[in-house]
N, C-alpha and C. Protein backbone atom coordinates (compact mmCIF):
# COMPACT_ATOMS: atom_id res chain seq x y z
N MET A 1 72.31 -14.71 69.39
CA MET A 1 72.38 -15.59 70.54
C MET A 1 71.34 -16.69 70.32
N LYS A 2 71.78 -17.94 70.32
CA LYS A 2 70.88 -19.06 70.08
C LYS A 2 70.85 -19.95 71.32
N PHE A 3 69.66 -20.17 71.85
CA PHE A 3 69.50 -20.99 73.03
C PHE A 3 68.54 -22.13 72.73
N GLN A 4 68.77 -23.26 73.37
CA GLN A 4 67.92 -24.43 73.20
C GLN A 4 66.59 -24.26 73.94
N THR A 5 66.61 -23.48 74.99
CA THR A 5 65.46 -23.31 75.86
C THR A 5 64.76 -21.99 75.57
N SER A 6 63.47 -21.93 75.84
CA SER A 6 62.72 -20.69 75.71
C SER A 6 63.37 -19.62 76.58
N PRO A 7 63.39 -18.38 76.12
CA PRO A 7 63.99 -17.32 76.96
C PRO A 7 63.27 -17.17 78.29
N PHE A 8 62.03 -17.62 78.39
CA PHE A 8 61.28 -17.52 79.65
C PHE A 8 61.65 -18.63 80.62
N GLU A 9 62.33 -19.65 80.13
CA GLU A 9 62.75 -20.76 80.99
C GLU A 9 64.27 -20.84 81.13
N LEU A 10 64.98 -19.96 80.48
CA LEU A 10 66.43 -20.05 80.39
C LEU A 10 67.11 -20.20 81.74
N PHE A 11 66.87 -19.29 82.66
CA PHE A 11 67.54 -19.34 83.95
C PHE A 11 67.02 -20.50 84.80
N ASP A 12 65.74 -20.74 84.73
CA ASP A 12 65.11 -21.78 85.54
C ASP A 12 65.51 -23.18 85.09
N LYS A 13 65.51 -23.44 83.81
CA LYS A 13 65.77 -24.79 83.29
C LYS A 13 67.25 -25.08 83.05
N GLU A 14 67.98 -24.12 82.50
CA GLU A 14 69.39 -24.38 82.18
C GLU A 14 70.31 -24.08 83.35
N TRP A 15 69.86 -23.29 84.29
CA TRP A 15 70.67 -22.82 85.40
C TRP A 15 71.81 -21.97 84.85
N ALA A 16 72.42 -21.23 85.73
CA ALA A 16 73.50 -20.36 85.30
C ALA A 16 74.36 -20.00 86.51
N LEU A 17 75.56 -19.54 86.22
CA LEU A 17 76.43 -18.97 87.25
C LEU A 17 76.54 -17.48 87.00
N LEU A 18 76.39 -16.72 88.05
CA LEU A 18 76.65 -15.29 88.04
C LEU A 18 78.02 -15.13 88.69
N THR A 19 78.94 -14.49 87.99
CA THR A 19 80.29 -14.33 88.50
C THR A 19 80.67 -12.85 88.42
N ALA A 20 81.17 -12.33 89.53
CA ALA A 20 81.60 -10.93 89.56
C ALA A 20 83.00 -10.87 90.15
N GLY A 21 83.80 -9.94 89.64
CA GLY A 21 85.17 -9.78 90.09
C GLY A 21 86.13 -10.00 88.94
N ARG A 22 87.39 -10.20 89.31
CA ARG A 22 88.43 -10.38 88.29
C ARG A 22 89.43 -11.40 88.80
N GLU A 23 90.39 -11.70 87.99
CA GLU A 23 91.39 -12.70 88.34
C GLU A 23 91.92 -12.47 89.76
N GLY A 24 91.89 -13.51 90.56
CA GLY A 24 92.40 -13.44 91.92
C GLY A 24 91.43 -12.89 92.94
N ALA A 25 90.33 -12.28 92.51
CA ALA A 25 89.35 -11.70 93.44
C ALA A 25 87.97 -11.74 92.82
N PHE A 26 87.35 -12.92 92.84
CA PHE A 26 86.01 -13.06 92.27
C PHE A 26 85.21 -14.04 93.11
N ASN A 27 83.90 -14.00 92.90
CA ASN A 27 83.03 -15.00 93.50
C ASN A 27 81.93 -15.33 92.50
N THR A 28 81.41 -16.53 92.62
CA THR A 28 80.38 -16.99 91.72
C THR A 28 79.25 -17.62 92.52
N MET A 29 78.06 -17.59 91.97
CA MET A 29 76.91 -18.24 92.62
C MET A 29 75.95 -18.73 91.54
N THR A 30 75.24 -19.77 91.86
CA THR A 30 74.23 -20.29 90.96
C THR A 30 73.01 -19.38 91.02
N ILE A 31 72.43 -19.09 89.86
CA ILE A 31 71.22 -18.28 89.83
C ILE A 31 70.13 -19.01 89.06
N GLY A 32 68.91 -18.83 89.49
CA GLY A 32 67.76 -19.39 88.81
C GLY A 32 66.77 -18.30 88.41
N TRP A 33 67.06 -17.08 88.82
CA TRP A 33 66.21 -15.95 88.46
C TRP A 33 67.00 -15.01 87.56
N GLY A 34 66.37 -14.50 86.54
CA GLY A 34 67.03 -13.55 85.65
C GLY A 34 66.24 -13.41 84.37
N GLY A 35 66.69 -12.52 83.55
CA GLY A 35 66.00 -12.31 82.29
C GLY A 35 66.89 -11.61 81.28
N LEU A 36 66.53 -11.77 80.02
CA LEU A 36 67.22 -11.10 78.92
C LEU A 36 66.21 -10.21 78.23
N GLY A 37 66.64 -9.06 77.77
CA GLY A 37 65.71 -8.16 77.11
C GLY A 37 66.39 -6.95 76.54
N THR A 38 65.60 -5.90 76.37
CA THR A 38 66.08 -4.65 75.82
C THR A 38 65.64 -3.52 76.74
N LEU A 39 66.57 -2.62 77.02
CA LEU A 39 66.29 -1.46 77.86
C LEU A 39 67.13 -0.31 77.33
N TRP A 40 66.52 0.83 77.14
CA TRP A 40 67.23 2.02 76.66
C TRP A 40 67.98 1.73 75.36
N ARG A 41 67.34 0.93 74.51
CA ARG A 41 67.90 0.54 73.20
C ARG A 41 69.19 -0.26 73.32
N ARG A 42 69.33 -0.95 74.44
CA ARG A 42 70.50 -1.79 74.68
C ARG A 42 70.05 -3.21 74.97
N SER A 43 70.84 -4.19 74.55
CA SER A 43 70.60 -5.58 74.93
C SER A 43 71.09 -5.74 76.36
N VAL A 44 70.21 -6.27 77.22
CA VAL A 44 70.54 -6.34 78.65
C VAL A 44 70.17 -7.70 79.24
N ALA A 45 70.75 -7.95 80.41
CA ALA A 45 70.34 -9.07 81.25
C ALA A 45 70.10 -8.50 82.64
N THR A 46 69.11 -9.07 83.32
CA THR A 46 68.78 -8.66 84.68
C THR A 46 69.00 -9.86 85.60
N VAL A 47 69.66 -9.62 86.72
CA VAL A 47 69.89 -10.66 87.72
C VAL A 47 69.54 -10.10 89.10
N TYR A 48 69.34 -11.00 90.05
CA TYR A 48 68.92 -10.62 91.39
C TYR A 48 69.82 -11.31 92.41
N VAL A 49 70.35 -10.53 93.36
CA VAL A 49 71.27 -11.08 94.35
C VAL A 49 70.89 -10.55 95.73
N LYS A 50 70.73 -11.46 96.68
CA LYS A 50 70.43 -11.03 98.05
C LYS A 50 71.68 -10.43 98.69
N PRO A 51 71.53 -9.38 99.48
CA PRO A 51 72.69 -8.74 100.12
C PRO A 51 73.48 -9.67 101.04
N ILE A 52 72.88 -10.74 101.52
CA ILE A 52 73.59 -11.68 102.40
C ILE A 52 74.55 -12.57 101.63
N ARG A 53 74.41 -12.61 100.32
CA ARG A 53 75.28 -13.47 99.51
C ARG A 53 76.64 -12.80 99.32
N TYR A 54 77.69 -13.59 99.36
CA TYR A 54 79.06 -13.09 99.20
C TYR A 54 79.23 -12.42 97.83
N THR A 55 78.58 -12.97 96.82
CA THR A 55 78.67 -12.42 95.47
C THR A 55 78.17 -10.98 95.42
N HIS A 56 77.24 -10.63 96.30
CA HIS A 56 76.70 -9.26 96.34
C HIS A 56 77.83 -8.25 96.53
N GLU A 57 78.80 -8.56 97.40
CA GLU A 57 79.94 -7.66 97.62
C GLU A 57 80.70 -7.42 96.32
N PHE A 58 80.88 -8.48 95.54
CA PHE A 58 81.61 -8.37 94.29
C PHE A 58 80.80 -7.62 93.23
N MET A 59 79.48 -7.80 93.25
CA MET A 59 78.62 -7.06 92.32
C MET A 59 78.68 -5.57 92.63
N GLU A 60 78.75 -5.22 93.89
CA GLU A 60 78.80 -3.82 94.29
C GLU A 60 80.14 -3.17 93.92
N LYS A 61 81.23 -3.93 93.99
CA LYS A 61 82.57 -3.38 93.78
C LYS A 61 83.03 -3.36 92.33
N ASN A 62 82.36 -4.10 91.47
CA ASN A 62 82.84 -4.26 90.09
C ASN A 62 81.83 -3.73 89.08
N ASP A 63 82.36 -3.24 87.96
CA ASP A 63 81.52 -2.70 86.90
C ASP A 63 81.02 -3.76 85.92
N TYR A 64 81.68 -4.92 85.90
CA TYR A 64 81.32 -5.98 84.96
C TYR A 64 80.98 -7.25 85.72
N PHE A 65 80.17 -8.09 85.08
CA PHE A 65 79.88 -9.41 85.61
C PHE A 65 79.58 -10.34 84.44
N THR A 66 79.59 -11.63 84.70
CA THR A 66 79.27 -12.61 83.67
C THR A 66 78.13 -13.49 84.12
N ILE A 67 77.39 -13.97 83.13
CA ILE A 67 76.39 -15.02 83.34
C ILE A 67 76.81 -16.14 82.41
N SER A 68 77.02 -17.33 82.97
CA SER A 68 77.46 -18.45 82.15
C SER A 68 76.50 -19.62 82.30
N PHE A 69 76.28 -20.34 81.21
CA PHE A 69 75.33 -21.45 81.16
C PHE A 69 76.09 -22.75 80.90
N TYR A 70 75.55 -23.87 81.38
CA TYR A 70 76.27 -25.15 81.40
C TYR A 70 75.40 -26.31 80.93
N PRO A 71 76.05 -27.30 80.32
CA PRO A 71 75.34 -28.53 79.97
C PRO A 71 74.88 -29.26 81.24
N GLU A 72 73.92 -30.10 81.07
CA GLU A 72 73.31 -30.86 82.18
C GLU A 72 74.35 -31.58 83.05
N GLN A 73 75.42 -32.04 82.46
CA GLN A 73 76.42 -32.82 83.21
C GLN A 73 77.08 -32.02 84.34
N TYR A 74 76.91 -30.70 84.35
CA TYR A 74 77.53 -29.87 85.40
C TYR A 74 76.54 -29.45 86.49
N ARG A 75 75.37 -30.05 86.51
CA ARG A 75 74.35 -29.71 87.52
C ARG A 75 74.88 -29.88 88.95
N LYS A 76 75.62 -30.94 89.20
CA LYS A 76 76.13 -31.18 90.55
C LYS A 76 77.08 -30.05 90.96
N ALA A 77 77.95 -29.63 90.06
CA ALA A 77 78.88 -28.54 90.36
C ALA A 77 78.12 -27.25 90.61
N LEU A 78 77.10 -26.96 89.79
CA LEU A 78 76.33 -25.73 89.98
C LEU A 78 75.52 -25.78 91.27
N SER A 79 75.05 -26.95 91.63
CA SER A 79 74.34 -27.11 92.90
C SER A 79 75.26 -26.78 94.07
N LEU A 80 76.48 -27.30 94.02
CA LEU A 80 77.46 -27.04 95.06
C LEU A 80 77.77 -25.54 95.13
N LEU A 81 77.95 -24.89 93.99
CA LEU A 81 78.28 -23.47 93.96
C LEU A 81 77.13 -22.60 94.45
N GLY A 82 75.93 -23.12 94.42
CA GLY A 82 74.77 -22.39 94.93
C GLY A 82 74.51 -22.65 96.40
N THR A 83 75.18 -23.64 96.96
CA THR A 83 74.94 -24.03 98.35
C THR A 83 76.03 -23.53 99.29
N LEU A 84 77.28 -23.61 98.86
CA LEU A 84 78.41 -23.20 99.70
C LEU A 84 78.69 -21.70 99.54
N SER A 85 79.30 -21.11 100.55
CA SER A 85 79.68 -19.70 100.48
C SER A 85 81.18 -19.59 100.23
N GLY A 86 81.54 -18.71 99.30
CA GLY A 86 82.93 -18.42 99.02
C GLY A 86 83.63 -17.73 100.18
N ARG A 87 82.86 -17.22 101.14
CA ARG A 87 83.45 -16.63 102.35
C ARG A 87 84.11 -17.70 103.21
N ASP A 88 83.52 -18.91 103.18
CA ASP A 88 83.92 -19.97 104.10
C ASP A 88 84.86 -21.01 103.51
N VAL A 89 84.70 -21.30 102.22
CA VAL A 89 85.47 -22.36 101.57
C VAL A 89 85.83 -21.96 100.15
N ASP A 90 86.79 -22.65 99.57
CA ASP A 90 87.12 -22.45 98.16
C ASP A 90 86.16 -23.33 97.35
N LYS A 91 84.96 -22.82 97.19
CA LYS A 91 83.92 -23.63 96.54
C LYS A 91 84.20 -23.86 95.06
N VAL A 92 84.93 -22.96 94.41
CA VAL A 92 85.27 -23.17 93.00
C VAL A 92 86.17 -24.39 92.87
N ALA A 93 87.17 -24.52 93.74
CA ALA A 93 88.05 -25.70 93.71
C ALA A 93 87.24 -26.96 93.97
N GLN A 94 86.32 -26.90 94.92
CA GLN A 94 85.50 -28.08 95.23
C GLN A 94 84.56 -28.45 94.08
N SER A 95 84.16 -27.46 93.29
CA SER A 95 83.23 -27.73 92.18
C SER A 95 83.88 -28.47 91.03
N GLY A 96 85.20 -28.32 90.90
CA GLY A 96 85.91 -28.94 89.78
C GLY A 96 85.86 -28.12 88.50
N LEU A 97 85.20 -26.95 88.52
CA LEU A 97 85.16 -26.10 87.33
C LEU A 97 86.47 -25.32 87.22
N THR A 98 86.79 -24.94 85.99
CA THR A 98 88.06 -24.27 85.69
C THR A 98 87.84 -22.80 85.38
N PRO A 99 88.25 -21.89 86.28
CA PRO A 99 88.07 -20.46 86.01
C PRO A 99 88.88 -20.01 84.79
N VAL A 100 88.28 -19.12 84.01
CA VAL A 100 88.93 -18.52 82.86
C VAL A 100 88.77 -17.01 83.00
N CYS A 101 89.88 -16.32 83.07
CA CYS A 101 89.87 -14.87 83.22
C CYS A 101 89.68 -14.21 81.86
N LEU A 102 88.76 -13.28 81.81
CA LEU A 102 88.48 -12.51 80.60
C LEU A 102 88.93 -11.08 80.81
N GLU A 103 88.87 -10.30 79.77
CA GLU A 103 89.24 -8.89 79.90
C GLU A 103 88.37 -8.18 80.94
N ASN A 104 87.09 -8.52 80.96
CA ASN A 104 86.15 -7.86 81.87
C ASN A 104 85.39 -8.86 82.73
N GLY A 105 86.08 -9.78 83.35
CA GLY A 105 85.38 -10.71 84.23
C GLY A 105 85.99 -12.09 84.23
N VAL A 106 85.21 -13.01 84.78
CA VAL A 106 85.64 -14.39 84.91
C VAL A 106 84.49 -15.29 84.48
N THR A 107 84.82 -16.35 83.77
CA THR A 107 83.86 -17.40 83.43
C THR A 107 84.54 -18.73 83.74
N PHE A 108 84.02 -19.81 83.21
CA PHE A 108 84.59 -21.14 83.44
C PHE A 108 84.68 -21.88 82.12
N ALA A 109 85.74 -22.66 81.97
CA ALA A 109 86.01 -23.38 80.72
C ALA A 109 84.86 -24.31 80.34
N GLU A 110 84.14 -24.82 81.31
CA GLU A 110 83.08 -25.78 81.05
C GLU A 110 81.78 -25.14 80.55
N ALA A 111 81.69 -23.82 80.57
CA ALA A 111 80.47 -23.12 80.14
C ALA A 111 80.21 -23.34 78.66
N SER A 112 78.96 -23.58 78.32
CA SER A 112 78.60 -23.69 76.91
C SER A 112 78.47 -22.31 76.28
N ARG A 113 78.14 -21.31 77.09
CA ARG A 113 78.10 -19.93 76.63
C ARG A 113 78.20 -19.00 77.83
N THR A 114 78.77 -17.84 77.60
CA THR A 114 78.95 -16.84 78.64
C THR A 114 78.55 -15.49 78.08
N ILE A 115 77.80 -14.75 78.87
CA ILE A 115 77.44 -13.38 78.52
C ILE A 115 78.24 -12.46 79.43
N VAL A 116 79.01 -11.56 78.84
CA VAL A 116 79.77 -10.57 79.60
C VAL A 116 78.93 -9.29 79.61
N LEU A 117 78.74 -8.73 80.81
CA LEU A 117 77.86 -7.57 80.97
C LEU A 117 78.53 -6.44 81.72
N LYS A 118 78.18 -5.23 81.33
CA LYS A 118 78.61 -4.03 82.05
C LYS A 118 77.42 -3.55 82.86
N LYS A 119 77.60 -3.41 84.15
CA LYS A 119 76.53 -2.98 85.04
C LYS A 119 76.11 -1.56 84.68
N ILE A 120 74.81 -1.37 84.39
CA ILE A 120 74.31 -0.04 84.05
C ILE A 120 73.23 0.44 85.01
N TYR A 121 72.74 -0.45 85.87
CA TYR A 121 71.70 -0.06 86.82
C TYR A 121 71.65 -1.06 87.95
N ARG A 122 71.33 -0.56 89.15
CA ARG A 122 71.12 -1.41 90.31
C ARG A 122 70.06 -0.76 91.18
N GLN A 123 69.27 -1.59 91.81
CA GLN A 123 68.26 -1.06 92.72
C GLN A 123 67.86 -2.14 93.70
N GLU A 124 67.74 -1.74 94.96
CA GLU A 124 67.25 -2.67 95.97
C GLU A 124 65.74 -2.80 95.79
N MET A 125 65.25 -4.02 95.86
CA MET A 125 63.82 -4.24 95.71
C MET A 125 63.08 -3.60 96.88
N ASP A 126 61.96 -2.99 96.57
CA ASP A 126 61.11 -2.34 97.56
C ASP A 126 60.07 -3.36 98.02
N LEU A 127 60.17 -3.81 99.26
CA LEU A 127 59.26 -4.83 99.77
C LEU A 127 57.79 -4.44 99.67
N SER A 128 57.50 -3.16 99.78
CA SER A 128 56.11 -2.73 99.70
C SER A 128 55.53 -2.95 98.31
N ALA A 129 56.38 -3.10 97.30
CA ALA A 129 55.92 -3.31 95.94
C ALA A 129 55.93 -4.79 95.53
N VAL A 130 56.40 -5.66 96.43
CA VAL A 130 56.46 -7.10 96.15
C VAL A 130 55.12 -7.73 96.54
N PRO A 131 54.57 -8.60 95.70
CA PRO A 131 53.31 -9.26 96.04
C PRO A 131 53.40 -9.97 97.40
N ALA A 132 52.31 -9.96 98.14
CA ALA A 132 52.29 -10.50 99.51
C ALA A 132 52.76 -11.95 99.57
N ASP A 133 52.34 -12.79 98.61
CA ASP A 133 52.74 -14.20 98.65
C ASP A 133 54.25 -14.35 98.44
N ALA A 134 54.84 -13.55 97.54
CA ALA A 134 56.29 -13.60 97.32
C ALA A 134 57.03 -13.03 98.53
N ARG A 135 56.49 -11.99 99.11
CA ARG A 135 57.10 -11.39 100.30
C ARG A 135 57.16 -12.42 101.43
N ALA A 136 56.07 -13.15 101.63
CA ALA A 136 56.01 -14.16 102.69
C ALA A 136 56.95 -15.33 102.39
N ARG A 137 57.04 -15.73 101.14
CA ARG A 137 57.85 -16.90 100.77
C ARG A 137 59.35 -16.61 100.74
N TYR A 138 59.74 -15.47 100.19
CA TYR A 138 61.16 -15.22 99.95
C TYR A 138 61.81 -14.22 100.91
N TYR A 139 61.01 -13.41 101.59
CA TYR A 139 61.60 -12.33 102.38
C TYR A 139 61.15 -12.28 103.83
N ALA A 140 60.59 -13.34 104.33
CA ALA A 140 60.14 -13.37 105.73
C ALA A 140 61.32 -13.26 106.69
N ALA A 141 62.45 -13.88 106.33
CA ALA A 141 63.59 -13.92 107.25
C ALA A 141 64.84 -13.22 106.72
N GLU A 142 64.81 -12.77 105.46
CA GLU A 142 65.99 -12.16 104.86
C GLU A 142 65.60 -10.90 104.09
N PRO A 143 66.54 -9.99 103.94
CA PRO A 143 66.25 -8.77 103.16
C PRO A 143 66.02 -9.12 101.68
N PRO A 144 65.36 -8.21 100.97
CA PRO A 144 65.07 -8.47 99.55
C PRO A 144 66.33 -8.39 98.68
N HIS A 145 66.18 -8.92 97.49
CA HIS A 145 67.26 -8.92 96.51
C HIS A 145 67.61 -7.50 96.06
N THR A 146 68.82 -7.37 95.54
CA THR A 146 69.21 -6.20 94.76
C THR A 146 69.11 -6.63 93.31
N MET A 147 68.48 -5.79 92.49
CA MET A 147 68.36 -6.06 91.06
C MET A 147 69.51 -5.36 90.34
N TYR A 148 70.18 -6.11 89.48
CA TYR A 148 71.26 -5.54 88.67
C TYR A 148 70.89 -5.72 87.20
N ILE A 149 71.07 -4.67 86.43
CA ILE A 149 70.88 -4.76 84.99
C ILE A 149 72.23 -4.47 84.34
N GLY A 150 72.62 -5.38 83.46
CA GLY A 150 73.88 -5.22 82.75
C GLY A 150 73.67 -5.17 81.25
N GLU A 151 74.42 -4.31 80.61
CA GLU A 151 74.39 -4.25 79.14
C GLU A 151 75.31 -5.32 78.59
N VAL A 152 74.83 -6.05 77.59
CA VAL A 152 75.61 -7.11 76.98
C VAL A 152 76.80 -6.50 76.25
N VAL A 153 78.00 -6.93 76.64
CA VAL A 153 79.23 -6.47 76.01
C VAL A 153 79.73 -7.50 75.01
N LYS A 154 79.58 -8.78 75.38
CA LYS A 154 80.10 -9.84 74.54
C LYS A 154 79.36 -11.15 74.89
N ILE A 155 79.20 -12.00 73.89
CA ILE A 155 78.66 -13.34 74.12
C ILE A 155 79.69 -14.32 73.58
N LEU A 156 80.08 -15.24 74.45
CA LEU A 156 81.06 -16.27 74.10
C LEU A 156 80.38 -17.63 74.06
N GLY A 157 80.72 -18.45 73.09
CA GLY A 157 80.16 -19.80 73.02
C GLY A 157 79.02 -19.89 72.03
N LYS A 158 78.28 -20.99 72.16
CA LYS A 158 77.20 -21.30 71.20
C LYS A 158 76.00 -20.41 71.36
């Protein structure tokens, strides 16, 4: 896997879409938090989704998910996908991105690379273990994220 950005800046600088579900029943959201690494001798990615997000329902119901990365020219589309809820509108149609159904998930034709993952672990974040400043900034009005760890099944693209 070759990335232009440092692995420590990958999600923050390149942005990404987290997509869960399958053809005809999926949702996607922009993510800026995540990581790549190794766990239990497996290549993995970790993502975080708040329970209030529509994508959370799809993460809970499905065994696979994708993380896809995009060139700078798609920032406006990713911004829209991170702002609107798939519960309320067809945000994928509004974004102009083209869904592509895979054997184990959904990505978009415009992605420069997509990581297909099999969910191997999930855990709700324990607020008592979150640093006080992060707790005040991110969780004062909403419940904490659920952490999902997926094993890399396939990498598509550059």
